[in-house]
């Protein structure tokens, strides 16, 4: 063999030792027709320590198995039997997105104005803690199939945290919005269009309201 061929062979032997640490030195020696001692010398020259390689591979395998277990735990926590995503997880994911992702259209009204998610609801066990604090979302839907309850912050300028959040209907949430201010008209209280829409929501109707309608007029529709 020429020197160039020997260098190529030695390099292949070193790569085999690196990427196939389960292959014994004797097997490598038999494959290339050299002695086991020669293989050891080649690896020493190539600065290949098989013990370190094996340990690194074991660590990678352990990390991989841990990642699989964590993924399984998360999948079981966030899905229902049959593989459907839990409705609470969709709420949780949307909450995180509008508070933490500047690319989300709603970010300007949440994270953009300083509203954040508490540390307890963030991280590896964030969703588990969220469910523990909030409980399952109450059942019930409107005529159009949309859920009646969603996450609601009692203080509209406060963060998403256990003491400031609860499940609430659209009407309850609209009553707490920054733009939902009542205006006195005669002896009755007229509502802003945002509040009117919410009342219609609870009545399971979709009649476009006008700003001058009173409460009684809206409920009578």
Protein backbone atom coordinates (compact mmCIF):
# COMPACT_ATOMS: atom_id res chain seq x y z
CA UNK A 1 0.00 0.00 0.00
CA UNK A 2 1.18 3.52 -0.73
CA UNK A 3 1.52 6.08 2.04
CA UNK A 4 -1.57 7.87 0.74
CA UNK A 5 -3.60 4.65 0.83
CA UNK A 6 -2.39 3.93 4.37
CA UNK A 7 -3.41 7.44 5.50
CA UNK A 8 -6.86 6.99 3.99
CA UNK A 9 -7.23 3.57 5.64
CA UNK A 10 -6.17 4.92 9.02
CA UNK A 11 -8.65 7.77 8.68
CA UNK A 12 -11.46 5.35 7.86
CA UNK A 13 -10.51 3.22 10.87
CA UNK A 14 -10.61 6.31 13.10
CA UNK A 15 -14.03 7.35 11.72
CA UNK A 16 -15.33 3.81 12.25
CA UNK A 17 -14.20 3.96 15.86
CA UNK A 18 -15.87 7.35 16.33
CA UNK A 19 -19.23 6.70 14.69
CA UNK A 20 -19.53 2.99 15.45
CA UNK A 21 -18.19 2.64 19.01
CA UNK A 22 -20.07 -0.64 19.42
CA UNK A 23 -17.74 -2.27 16.87
CA UNK A 24 -14.82 -3.90 18.71
CA UNK A 25 -11.17 -3.23 17.88
CA UNK A 26 -10.77 -6.88 16.93
CA UNK A 27 -13.57 -6.61 14.36
CA UNK A 28 -11.97 -3.51 12.88
CA UNK A 29 -8.59 -5.28 12.75
CA UNK A 30 -10.06 -8.32 11.00
CA UNK A 31 -11.87 -6.11 8.49
CA UNK A 32 -8.68 -4.35 7.40
CA UNK A 33 -6.31 -7.29 7.84
CA UNK A 34 -4.19 -5.79 10.60
CA UNK A 35 -3.58 -6.59 14.25
CA UNK A 36 -5.61 -5.26 17.16
CA UNK A 37 -2.46 -3.54 18.49
CA UNK A 38 -2.06 -1.75 15.18
CA UNK A 39 -5.63 -0.50 15.39
CA UNK A 40 -5.00 0.81 18.92
CA UNK A 41 -1.88 2.61 17.69
CA UNK A 42 -3.79 4.14 14.78
CA UNK A 43 -6.49 5.46 17.12
CA UNK A 44 -3.85 6.86 19.46
CA UNK A 45 -2.16 8.69 16.58
CA UNK A 46 -5.57 9.94 15.38
CA UNK A 47 -6.32 11.11 18.95
CA UNK A 48 -9.41 8.92 19.28
CA UNK A 49 -10.37 7.85 22.82
CA UNK A 50 -13.03 5.16 22.56
CA UNK A 51 -13.95 5.38 26.22
CA UNK A 52 -14.91 9.03 25.84
CA UNK A 53 -16.78 8.26 22.63
CA UNK A 54 -18.77 5.46 24.26
CA UNK A 55 -19.63 7.70 27.22
CA UNK A 56 -20.75 10.49 24.92
CA UNK A 57 -22.93 8.09 22.97
CA UNK A 58 -24.44 6.75 26.20
CA UNK A 59 -25.17 10.32 27.30
CA UNK A 60 -26.81 11.10 23.96
CA UNK A 61 -28.92 7.97 24.17
CA UNK A 62 -29.95 8.83 27.72
CA UNK A 63 -30.88 12.37 26.70
CA UNK A 64 -32.83 11.02 23.75
CA UNK A 65 -34.77 8.60 25.96
CA UNK A 66 -35.50 11.37 28.47
CA UNK A 67 -36.74 13.59 25.66
CA UNK A 68 -39.05 10.81 24.48
CA UNK A 69 -40.43 10.33 28.00
CA UNK A 70 -41.00 14.06 28.39
CA UNK A 71 -42.72 14.23 25.00
CA UNK A 72 -44.97 11.34 25.99
CA UNK A 73 -45.88 12.98 29.30
CA UNK A 74 -46.65 16.27 27.54
CA UNK A 75 -48.72 14.50 24.88
CA UNK A 76 -50.77 12.69 27.54
CA UNK A 77 -51.29 15.95 29.44
CA UNK A 78 -52.34 18.02 26.44
CA UNK A 79 -54.48 15.56 24.48
CA UNK A 80 -57.74 13.71 25.01
CA UNK A 81 -58.37 10.04 24.21
CA UNK A 82 -58.32 9.75 20.44
CA UNK A 83 -55.55 12.31 20.01
CA UNK A 84 -57.66 15.48 20.10
CA UNK A 85 -55.95 18.47 21.71
CA UNK A 86 -57.40 19.45 25.10
CA UNK A 87 -59.35 22.73 24.87
CA UNK A 88 -57.47 24.02 27.93
CA UNK A 89 -54.19 23.51 26.11
CA UNK A 90 -55.39 25.57 23.16
CA UNK A 91 -56.29 28.36 25.60
CA UNK A 92 -52.90 28.02 27.29
CA UNK A 93 -51.01 28.04 23.99
CA UNK A 94 -52.87 31.13 22.75
CA UNK A 95 -52.24 32.90 26.06
CA UNK A 96 -48.51 32.23 25.79
CA UNK A 97 -48.46 33.33 22.16
CA UNK A 98 -50.16 36.70 22.61
CA UNK A 99 -47.98 37.53 25.62
CA UNK A 100 -44.60 36.23 24.44
CA UNK A 101 -44.59 36.19 20.64
CA UNK A 102 -44.22 39.63 18.99
CA UNK A 103 -45.21 38.11 15.64
CA UNK A 104 -48.71 37.32 16.94
CA UNK A 105 -51.27 39.96 15.81
CA UNK A 106 -52.73 40.19 19.34
CA UNK A 107 -49.31 40.76 20.93
CA UNK A 108 -49.70 44.57 20.80
CA UNK A 109 -52.71 44.35 23.13
CA UNK A 110 -51.06 41.95 25.59
CA UNK A 111 -47.30 41.49 25.69
CA UNK A 112 -46.89 44.79 23.87
CA UNK A 113 -48.48 46.69 26.75
CA UNK A 114 -46.69 44.83 29.51
CA UNK A 115 -49.03 41.92 30.23
CA UNK A 116 -47.04 38.83 31.09
CA UNK A 117 -47.54 35.21 32.17
CA UNK A 118 -46.47 34.29 35.71
CA UNK A 119 -43.38 32.11 36.18
CA UNK A 120 -45.50 29.27 37.58
CA UNK A 121 -47.27 28.86 34.24
CA UNK A 122 -44.08 28.92 32.17
CA UNK A 123 -41.59 26.17 31.51
CA UNK A 124 -41.53 22.40 31.64
CA UNK A 125 -44.47 22.02 34.03
CA UNK A 126 -46.19 25.27 33.10
CA UNK A 127 -49.30 23.69 31.59
CA UNK A 128 -49.64 21.22 34.49
CA UNK A 129 -49.56 24.12 36.94
CA UNK A 130 -52.01 26.05 34.78
CA UNK A 131 -54.53 23.19 34.96
CA UNK A 132 -53.94 22.74 38.68
CA UNK A 133 -54.68 26.43 39.33
CA UNK A 134 -57.48 27.00 36.82
CA UNK A 135 -59.15 23.60 36.71
CA UNK A 136 -60.91 22.24 33.60
CA UNK A 137 -62.75 24.74 31.44
CA UNK A 138 -66.52 24.69 32.16
CA UNK A 139 -68.56 22.94 29.51
CA UNK A 140 -71.02 24.72 27.28
CA UNK A 141 -71.05 26.22 23.79
CA UNK A 142 -72.95 28.85 21.85
CA UNK A 143 -75.18 28.01 18.90
CA UNK A 144 -72.25 28.51 16.53
CA UNK A 145 -70.19 25.90 18.39
CA UNK A 146 -67.81 28.31 20.11
CA UNK A 147 -67.05 27.63 23.77
CA UNK A 148 -68.83 29.92 26.23
CA UNK A 149 -65.93 30.17 28.64
CA UNK A 150 -62.39 31.39 28.09
CA UNK A 151 -59.63 32.65 30.36
CA UNK A 152 -60.40 36.01 31.94
CA UNK A 153 -58.20 38.46 33.84
CA UNK A 154 -60.06 40.19 36.69
CA UNK A 155 -57.68 43.13 36.47
CA UNK A 156 -57.57 43.98 32.79
CA UNK A 157 -54.11 45.51 33.20
CA UNK A 158 -52.78 42.65 35.32
CA UNK A 159 -50.79 39.60 34.35
CA UNK A 160 -51.94 36.06 33.69
CA UNK A 161 -51.56 34.49 37.14
CA UNK A 162 -53.69 32.31 39.46
CA UNK A 163 -54.96 35.19 41.60
CA UNK A 164 -56.00 37.27 38.59
CA UNK A 165 -57.52 34.65 36.28
CA UNK A 166 -60.71 32.61 36.05
CA UNK A 167 -62.94 31.00 33.44
CA UNK A 168 -65.59 33.47 32.29
CA UNK A 169 -68.18 34.01 29.56
CA UNK A 170 -67.89 36.66 26.85
CA UNK A 171 -70.35 38.94 28.70
CA UNK A 172 -68.31 38.83 31.90
CA UNK A 173 -65.15 39.62 29.99
CA UNK A 174 -66.65 42.45 27.96
CA UNK A 175 -67.85 44.15 31.15
CA UNK A 176 -64.20 44.39 32.17
CA UNK A 177 -62.68 45.63 28.92
CA UNK A 178 -60.96 48.98 28.75
CA UNK A 179 -63.29 50.27 25.99
CA UNK A 180 -66.53 49.00 27.56
CA UNK A 181 -67.67 52.16 29.36
CA UNK A 182 -71.35 52.73 29.95
CA UNK A 183 -73.00 55.96 28.84
CA UNK A 184 -76.17 57.32 30.40
CA UNK A 185 -79.02 57.91 27.96
CA UNK A 186 -82.28 59.02 29.59
CA UNK A 187 -83.29 56.62 32.37
CA UNK A 188 -81.56 53.62 30.84
CA UNK A 189 -77.95 52.65 30.40
CA UNK A 190 -76.81 52.28 26.81
CA UNK A 191 -73.92 49.99 26.01
CA UNK A 192 -70.89 50.30 23.82
CA UNK A 193 -71.05 48.07 20.70
CA UNK A 194 -68.49 45.69 22.26
CA UNK A 195 -70.83 45.02 25.20
CA UNK A 196 -73.86 44.67 22.96
CA UNK A 197 -72.11 42.01 20.91
CA UNK A 198 -71.37 40.10 24.11
CA UNK A 199 -75.00 40.16 25.23
CA UNK A 200 -76.03 38.86 21.84
CA UNK A 201 -73.32 36.21 22.21
CA UNK A 202 -74.86 34.91 25.43
CA UNK A 203 -78.31 34.91 23.81
CA UNK A 204 -76.81 32.77 21.03
CA UNK A 205 -77.76 35.33 18.39
CA UNK A 206 -75.75 37.26 15.85
CA UNK A 207 -77.76 40.45 15.19
CA UNK A 208 -75.45 43.45 14.52
CA UNK A 209 -76.22 46.00 17.29
CA UNK A 210 -76.04 49.77 16.97
CA UNK A 211 -74.49 52.12 19.52
CA UNK A 212 -77.78 53.82 20.46
CA UNK A 213 -79.61 50.62 21.49
CA UNK A 214 -80.48 50.30 25.16
CA UNK A 215 -80.12 47.16 27.26
CA UNK A 216 -83.82 46.36 27.10
CA UNK A 217 -83.86 46.84 23.34
CA UNK A 218 -80.98 44.49 22.88
CA UNK A 219 -82.41 41.78 25.14
CA UNK A 220 -85.77 42.07 23.37
CA UNK A 221 -84.26 41.20 19.97
